[in-house]
């Protein structure tokens, strides 16, 4: 089942099922834990992306340096 069909199914089930109030209490400690998890996840994604961007940049710069040094060696 592809993503589009799953999304349509989930929306249909959500609309069809009756909604009821949860009457739940979210204490400050739980909210703080959820906020820390969200911030940590975002930070991990950002740092991972930064790492891979640096890796790609170093590969590109190294290739340019290698080609420049090869042209210098032919003289």
PDB file of N, CA and C in Angstrom:
ATOM      1  N   UNK A   1       0.857  -1.168   0.000  1.00  0.00           N
ATOM      2  CA  UNK A   1       0.000   0.000   0.000  1.00  0.00           C
ATOM      3  C   UNK A   1       0.902   1.230   0.000  1.00  0.00           C
ATOM      4  N   UNK A   2       0.751   2.094  -0.953  1.00  0.00           N
ATOM      5  CA  UNK A   2       1.623   3.257  -1.035  1.00  0.00           C
ATOM      6  C   UNK A   2       1.179   4.347  -0.057  1.00  0.00           C
ATOM      7  N   UNK A   3       1.989   5.381   0.046  1.00  0.00           N
ATOM      8  CA  UNK A   3       1.780   6.438   1.030  1.00  0.00           C
ATOM      9  C   UNK A   3       0.438   7.153   0.843  1.00  0.00           C
ATOM     10  N   UNK A   4       0.077   7.448  -0.387  1.00  0.00           N
ATOM     11  CA  UNK A   4      -1.162   8.166  -0.654  1.00  0.00           C
ATOM     12  C   UNK A   4      -2.391   7.403  -0.193  1.00  0.00           C
ATOM     13  N   UNK A   5      -2.401   6.107  -0.474  1.00  0.00           N
ATOM     14  CA  UNK A   5      -3.544   5.289  -0.058  1.00  0.00           C
ATOM     15  C   UNK A   5      -3.620   5.192   1.462  1.00  0.00           C
ATOM     16  N   UNK A   6      -2.459   5.057   2.109  1.00  0.00           N
ATOM     17  CA  UNK A   6      -2.452   4.993   3.575  1.00  0.00           C
ATOM     18  C   UNK A   6      -2.947   6.298   4.180  1.00  0.00           C
ATOM     19  N   UNK A   7      -2.541   7.419   3.608  1.00  0.00           N
ATOM     20  CA  UNK A   7      -2.960   8.721   4.114  1.00  0.00           C
ATOM     21  C   UNK A   7      -4.466   8.889   3.983  1.00  0.00           C
ATOM     22  N   UNK A   8      -5.009   8.523   2.833  1.00  0.00           N
ATOM     23  CA  UNK A   8      -6.460   8.627   2.621  1.00  0.00           C
ATOM     24  C   UNK A   8      -7.196   7.718   3.603  1.00  0.00           C
ATOM     25  N   UNK A   9      -6.698   6.518   3.824  1.00  0.00           N
ATOM     26  CA  UNK A   9      -7.329   5.593   4.765  1.00  0.00           C
ATOM     27  C   UNK A   9      -7.306   6.153   6.183  1.00  0.00           C
ATOM     28  N   UNK A  10      -6.174   6.708   6.592  1.00  0.00           N
ATOM     29  CA  UNK A  10      -6.074   7.271   7.940  1.00  0.00           C
ATOM     30  C   UNK A  10      -7.020   8.453   8.122  1.00  0.00           C
ATOM     31  N   UNK A  11      -7.123   9.308   7.118  1.00  0.00           N
ATOM     32  CA  UNK A  11      -8.034  10.446   7.205  1.00  0.00           C
ATOM     33  C   UNK A  11      -9.479   9.970   7.263  1.00  0.00           C
ATOM     34  N   UNK A  12      -9.819   8.971   6.455  1.00  0.00           N
ATOM     35  CA  UNK A  12     -11.188   8.444   6.442  1.00  0.00           C
ATOM     36  C   UNK A  12     -11.547   7.833   7.793  1.00  0.00           C
ATOM     37  N   UNK A  13     -10.647   7.064   8.358  1.00  0.00           N
ATOM     38  CA  UNK A  13     -10.914   6.447   9.662  1.00  0.00           C
ATOM     39  C   UNK A  13     -11.062   7.517  10.732  1.00  0.00           C
ATOM     40  N   UNK A  14     -10.247   8.555  10.673  1.00  0.00           N
ATOM     41  CA  UNK A  14     -10.323   9.627  11.651  1.00  0.00           C
ATOM     42  C   UNK A  14     -11.654  10.376  11.553  1.00  0.00           C
ATOM     43  N   UNK A  15     -12.143  10.568  10.339  1.00  0.00           N
ATOM     44  CA  UNK A  15     -13.414  11.279  10.162  1.00  0.00           C
ATOM     45  C   UNK A  15     -14.587  10.416  10.592  1.00  0.00           C
ATOM     46  N   UNK A  16     -14.526   9.126  10.282  1.00  0.00           N
ATOM     47  CA  UNK A  16     -15.651   8.233  10.570  1.00  0.00           C
ATOM     48  C   UNK A  16     -15.813   7.967  12.066  1.00  0.00           C
ATOM     49  N   UNK A  17     -14.694   7.754  12.772  1.00  0.00           N
ATOM     50  CA  UNK A  17     -14.780   7.443  14.198  1.00  0.00           C
ATOM     51  C   UNK A  17     -15.210   8.674  14.989  1.00  0.00           C
ATOM     52  N   UNK A  18     -16.093   8.483  15.962  1.00  0.00           N
ATOM     53  CA  UNK A  18     -16.544   9.633  16.756  1.00  0.00           C
ATOM     54  C   UNK A  18     -15.428  10.120  17.697  1.00  0.00           C
ATOM     55  N   UNK A  19     -15.346  11.435  17.847  1.00  0.00           N
ATOM     56  CA  UNK A  19     -14.347  12.020  18.734  1.00  0.00           C
ATOM     57  C   UNK A  19     -14.958  12.221  20.120  1.00  0.00           C
ATOM     58  N   UNK A  20     -14.173  11.880  21.134  1.00  0.00           N
ATOM     59  CA  UNK A  20     -14.612  12.087  22.507  1.00  0.00           C
ATOM     60  C   UNK A  20     -13.516  12.837  23.249  1.00  0.00           C
ATOM     61  N   UNK A  21     -13.920  13.578  24.240  1.00  0.00           N
ATOM     62  CA  UNK A  21     -12.957  14.315  25.049  1.00  0.00           C
ATOM     63  C   UNK A  21     -12.117  13.326  25.850  1.00  0.00           C
ATOM     64  N   UNK A  22     -10.827  13.600  25.975  1.00  0.00           N
ATOM     65  CA  UNK A  22      -9.932  12.681  26.669  1.00  0.00           C
ATOM     66  C   UNK A  22      -9.951  12.887  28.175  1.00  0.00           C
ATOM     67  N   UNK A  23     -10.262  14.083  28.639  1.00  0.00           N
ATOM     68  CA  UNK A  23     -10.250  14.420  30.064  1.00  0.00           C
ATOM     69  C   UNK A  23      -8.909  14.025  30.686  1.00  0.00           C
ATOM     70  N   UNK A  24      -7.843  14.381  30.016  1.00  0.00           N
ATOM     71  CA  UNK A  24      -6.508  14.028  30.480  1.00  0.00           C
ATOM     72  C   UNK A  24      -5.826  15.266  31.021  1.00  0.00           C
ATOM     73  N   UNK A  25      -4.862  15.036  31.915  1.00  0.00           N
ATOM     74  CA  UNK A  25      -4.092  16.120  32.499  1.00  0.00           C
ATOM     75  C   UNK A  25      -2.634  15.935  32.103  1.00  0.00           C
ATOM     76  N   UNK A  26      -2.052  16.968  31.572  1.00  0.00           N
ATOM     77  CA  UNK A  26      -0.649  16.940  31.187  1.00  0.00           C
ATOM     78  C   UNK A  26       0.116  17.803  32.190  1.00  0.00           C
ATOM     79  N   UNK A  27       0.831  17.151  33.087  1.00  0.00           N
ATOM     80  CA  UNK A  27       1.546  17.907  34.110  1.00  0.00           C
ATOM     81  C   UNK A  27       2.809  18.552  33.533  1.00  0.00           C
ATOM     82  N   UNK A  28       3.362  19.534  34.225  1.00  0.00           N
ATOM     83  CA  UNK A  28       4.533  20.250  33.704  1.00  0.00           C
ATOM     84  C   UNK A  28       5.746  19.354  33.439  1.00  0.00           C
ATOM     85  N   UNK A  29       5.935  18.325  34.227  1.00  0.00           N
ATOM     86  CA  UNK A  29       7.081  17.433  34.023  1.00  0.00           C
ATOM     87  C   UNK A  29       6.951  16.676  32.704  1.00  0.00           C
ATOM     88  N   UNK A  30       5.762  16.243  32.374  1.00  0.00           N
ATOM     89  CA  UNK A  30       5.540  15.535  31.115  1.00  0.00           C
ATOM     90  C   UNK A  30       5.731  16.471  29.927  1.00  0.00           C
ATOM     91  N   UNK A  31       5.233  17.687  30.058  1.00  0.00           N
ATOM     92  CA  UNK A  31       5.402  18.666  28.983  1.00  0.00           C
ATOM     93  C   UNK A  31       6.875  19.006  28.802  1.00  0.00           C
ATOM     94  N   UNK A  32       7.600  19.119  29.910  1.00  0.00           N
ATOM     95  CA  UNK A  32       9.033  19.416  29.839  1.00  0.00           C
ATOM     96  C   UNK A  32       9.786  18.270  29.161  1.00  0.00           C
ATOM     97  N   UNK A  33       9.435  17.047  29.487  1.00  0.00           N
ATOM     98  CA  UNK A  33      10.077  15.885  28.873  1.00  0.00           C
ATOM     99  C   UNK A  33       9.806  15.841  27.369  1.00  0.00           C
ATOM    100  N   UNK A  34       8.574  16.120  26.984  1.00  0.00           N
ATOM    101  CA  UNK A  34       8.226  16.129  25.560  1.00  0.00           C
ATOM    102  C   UNK A  34       8.970  17.246  24.832  1.00  0.00           C
ATOM    103  N   UNK A  35       9.088  18.411  25.454  1.00  0.00           N
ATOM    104  CA  UNK A  35       9.798  19.527  24.839  1.00  0.00           C
ATOM    105  C   UNK A  35      11.282  19.198  24.681  1.00  0.00           C
ATOM    106  N   UNK A  36      11.885  18.581  25.681  1.00  0.00           N
ATOM    107  CA  UNK A  36      13.297  18.185  25.599  1.00  0.00           C
ATOM    108  C   UNK A  36      13.517  17.165  24.490  1.00  0.00           C
ATOM    109  N   UNK A  37      12.603  16.222  24.365  1.00  0.00           N
ATOM    110  CA  UNK A  37      12.728  15.223  23.305  1.00  0.00           C
ATOM    111  C   UNK A  37      12.623  15.879  21.931  1.00  0.00           C
ATOM    112  N   UNK A  38      11.715  16.813  21.774  1.00  0.00           N
ATOM    113  CA  UNK A  38      11.558  17.511  20.502  1.00  0.00           C
ATOM    114  C   UNK A  38      12.806  18.341  20.172  1.00  0.00           C
ATOM    115  N   UNK A  39      13.301  19.090  21.140  1.00  0.00           N
ATOM    116  CA  UNK A  39      14.494  19.915  20.920  1.00  0.00           C
ATOM    117  C   UNK A  39      15.704  19.035  20.624  1.00  0.00           C
ATOM    118  N   UNK A  40      15.841  17.927  21.341  1.00  0.00           N
ATOM    119  CA  UNK A  40      16.949  17.005  21.096  1.00  0.00           C
ATOM    120  C   UNK A  40      16.899  16.389  19.712  1.00  0.00           C
ATOM    121  N   UNK A  41      15.715  16.039  19.263  1.00  0.00           N
ATOM    122  CA  UNK A  41      15.563  15.462  17.931  1.00  0.00           C
ATOM    123  C   UNK A  41      15.932  16.474  16.851  1.00  0.00           C
ATOM    124  N   UNK A  42      15.463  17.693  17.007  1.00  0.00           N
ATOM    125  CA  UNK A  42      15.787  18.740  16.035  1.00  0.00           C
ATOM    126  C   UNK A  42      17.289  19.005  16.022  1.00  0.00           C
ATOM    127  N   UNK A  43      17.901  19.076  17.198  1.00  0.00           N
ATOM    128  CA  UNK A  43      19.346  19.314  17.274  1.00  0.00           C
ATOM    129  C   UNK A  43      20.128  18.177  16.619  1.00  0.00           C
ATOM    130  N   UNK A  44      19.694  16.950  16.839  1.00  0.00           N
ATOM    131  CA  UNK A  44      20.381  15.805  16.228  1.00  0.00           C
ATOM    132  C   UNK A  44      20.296  15.860  14.707  1.00  0.00           C
ATOM    133  N   UNK A  45      19.115  16.195  14.173  1.00  0.00           N
ATOM    134  CA  UNK A  45      18.974  16.315  12.721  1.00  0.00           C
ATOM    135  C   UNK A  45      19.851  17.425  12.164  1.00  0.00           C
ATOM    136  N   UNK A  46      19.889  18.564  12.847  1.00  0.00           N
ATOM    137  CA  UNK A  46      20.700  19.680  12.374  1.00  0.00           C
ATOM    138  C   UNK A  46      22.188  19.349  12.383  1.00  0.00           C
ATOM    139  N   UNK A  47      22.649  18.738  13.465  1.00  0.00           N
ATOM    140  CA  UNK A  47      24.067  18.395  13.549  1.00  0.00           C
ATOM    141  C   UNK A  47      24.455  17.309  12.553  1.00  0.00           C
ATOM    142  N   UNK A  48      23.573  16.357  12.327  1.00  0.00           N
ATOM    143  CA  UNK A  48      23.848  15.319  11.341  1.00  0.00           C
ATOM    144  C   UNK A  48      23.925  15.926   9.942  1.00  0.00           C
ATOM    145  N   UNK A  49      22.995  16.812   9.631  1.00  0.00           N
ATOM    146  CA  UNK A  49      23.019  17.480   8.343  1.00  0.00           C
ATOM    147  C   UNK A  49      24.277  18.311   8.166  1.00  0.00           C
ATOM    148  N   UNK A  50      24.700  18.999   9.219  1.00  0.00           N
ATOM    149  CA  UNK A  50      25.919  19.800   9.170  1.00  0.00           C
ATOM    150  C   UNK A  50      27.134  18.916   8.906  1.00  0.00           C
ATOM    151  N   UNK A  51      27.151  17.759   9.547  1.00  0.00           N
ATOM    152  CA  UNK A  51      28.267  16.825   9.363  1.00  0.00           C
ATOM    153  C   UNK A  51      28.355  16.359   7.912  1.00  0.00           C
ATOM    154  N   UNK A  52      27.222  15.962   7.343  1.00  0.00           N
ATOM    155  CA  UNK A  52      27.230  15.477   5.965  1.00  0.00           C
ATOM    156  C   UNK A  52      27.533  16.588   4.962  1.00  0.00           C
ATOM    157  N   UNK A  53      27.069  17.808   5.245  1.00  0.00           N
ATOM    158  CA  UNK A  53      27.403  18.923   4.360  1.00  0.00           C
ATOM    159  C   UNK A  53      28.908  19.194   4.370  1.00  0.00           C
ATOM    160  N   UNK A  54      29.521  19.134   5.542  1.00  0.00           N
ATOM    161  CA  UNK A  54      30.972  19.323   5.625  1.00  0.00           C
ATOM    162  C   UNK A  54      31.714  18.219   4.880  1.00  0.00           C
ATOM    163  N   UNK A  55      31.212  16.990   4.999  1.00  0.00           N
ATOM    164  CA  UNK A  55      31.840  15.873   4.302  1.00  0.00           C
ATOM    165  C   UNK A  55      31.777  16.073   2.789  1.00  0.00           C
ATOM    166  N   UNK A  56      30.617  16.458   2.288  1.00  0.00           N
ATOM    167  CA  UNK A  56      30.469  16.674   0.849  1.00  0.00           C
ATOM    168  C   UNK A  56      31.339  17.849   0.395  1.00  0.00           C
ATOM    169  N   UNK A  57      31.401  18.890   1.194  1.00  0.00           N
ATOM    170  CA  UNK A  57      32.221  20.046   0.846  1.00  0.00           C
ATOM    171  C   UNK A  57      33.693  19.663   0.782  1.00  0.00           C
ATOM    172  N   UNK A  58      34.152  18.854   1.741  1.00  0.00           N
ATOM    173  CA  UNK A  58      35.554  18.445   1.730  1.00  0.00           C
ATOM    174  C   UNK A  58      35.860  17.546   0.529  1.00  0.00           C
ATOM    175  N   UNK A  59      34.909  16.708   0.120  1.00  0.00           N
ATOM    176  CA  UNK A  59      35.112  15.866  -1.059  1.00  0.00           C
ATOM    177  C   UNK A  59      35.224  16.716  -2.319  1.00  0.00           C
ATOM    178  N   UNK A  60      34.376  17.724  -2.426  1.00  0.00           N
ATOM    179  CA  UNK A  60      34.406  18.593  -3.599  1.00  0.00           C
ATOM    180  C   UNK A  60      35.704  19.390  -3.635  1.00  0.00           C
ATOM    181  N   UNK A  61      36.084  19.960  -2.496  1.00  0.00           N
ATOM    182  CA  UNK A  61      37.311  20.756  -2.446  1.00  0.00           C
ATOM    183  C   UNK A  61      38.547  19.896  -2.680  1.00  0.00           C
ATOM    184  N   UNK A  62      38.528  18.666  -2.180  1.00  0.00           N
ATOM    185  CA  UNK A  62      39.660  17.772  -2.367  1.00  0.00           C
ATOM    186  C   UNK A  62      39.822  17.417  -3.847  1.00  0.00           C
ATOM    187  N   UNK A  63      38.705  17.207  -4.532  1.00  0.00           N
ATOM    188  CA  UNK A  63      38.778  16.884  -5.962  1.00  0.00           C
ATOM    189  C   UNK A  63      39.356  18.062  -6.739  1.00  0.00           C
ATOM    190  N   UNK A  64      38.959  19.278  -6.380  1.00  0.00           N
ATOM    191  CA  UNK A  64      39.502  20.451  -7.045  1.00  0.00           C
ATOM    192  C   UNK A  64      41.001  20.581  -6.766  1.00  0.00           C
ATOM    193  N   UNK A  65      41.406  20.335  -5.515  1.00  0.00           N
ATOM    194  CA  UNK A  65      42.822  20.414  -5.159  1.00  0.00           C
ATOM    195  C   UNK A  65      43.631  19.341  -5.877  1.00  0.00           C
ATOM    196  N   UNK A  66      43.083  18.132  -5.990  1.00  0.00           N
ATOM    197  CA  UNK A  66      43.772  17.045  -6.678  1.00  0.00           C
ATOM    198  C   UNK A  66      43.989  17.377  -8.145  1.00  0.00           C
ATOM    199  N   UNK A  67      42.970  17.932  -8.801  1.00  0.00           N
ATOM    200  CA  UNK A  67      43.112  18.260 -10.217  1.00  0.00           C
ATOM    201  C   UNK A  67      44.095  19.409 -10.404  1.00  0.00           C
ATOM    202  N   UNK A  68      44.133  20.344  -9.474  1.00  0.00           N
ATOM    203  CA  UNK A  68      45.078  21.461  -9.566  1.00  0.00           C
ATOM    204  C   UNK A  68      46.503  20.983  -9.348  1.00  0.00           C
ATOM    205  N   UNK A  69      46.691  20.058  -8.412  1.00  0.00           N
ATOM    206  CA  UNK A  69      48.041  19.555  -8.153  1.00  0.00           C
ATOM    207  C   UNK A  69      48.533  18.666  -9.303  1.00  0.00           C
ATOM    208  N   UNK A  70      47.623  17.962  -9.949  1.00  0.00           N
ATOM    209  CA  UNK A  70      48.024  17.134 -11.096  1.00  0.00           C
ATOM    210  C   UNK A  70      48.453  18.026 -12.261  1.00  0.00           C
ATOM    211  N   UNK A  71      47.776  19.141 -12.475  1.00  0.00           N
ATOM    212  CA  UNK A  71      48.160  20.028 -13.557  1.00  0.00           C
ATOM    213  C   UNK A  71      49.489  20.716 -13.251  1.00  0.00           C
ATOM    214  N   UNK A  72      49.779  20.964 -11.965  1.00  0.00           N
ATOM    215  CA  UNK A  72      51.062  21.541 -11.587  1.00  0.00           C
ATOM    216  C   UNK A  72      52.196  20.549 -11.776  1.00  0.00           C
ATOM    217  N   UNK A  73      51.931  19.275 -11.567  1.00  0.00           N
ATOM    218  CA  UNK A  73      52.960  18.241 -11.696  1.00  0.00           C
ATOM    219  C   UNK A  73      53.328  17.971 -13.149  1.00  0.00           C
ATOM    220  N   UNK A  74      52.473  18.274 -14.090  1.00  0.00           N
ATOM    221  CA  UNK A  74      52.768  17.999 -15.502  1.00  0.00           C
ATOM    222  C   UNK A  74      53.740  19.006 -16.091  1.00  0.00           C
ATOM    223  N   UNK A  75      53.948  20.145 -15.452  1.00  0.00           N
ATOM    224  CA  UNK A  75      54.875  21.164 -15.961  1.00  0.00           C
ATOM    225  C   UNK A  75      56.305  20.780 -15.787  1.00  0.00           C
TER     226      UNK A  75
END
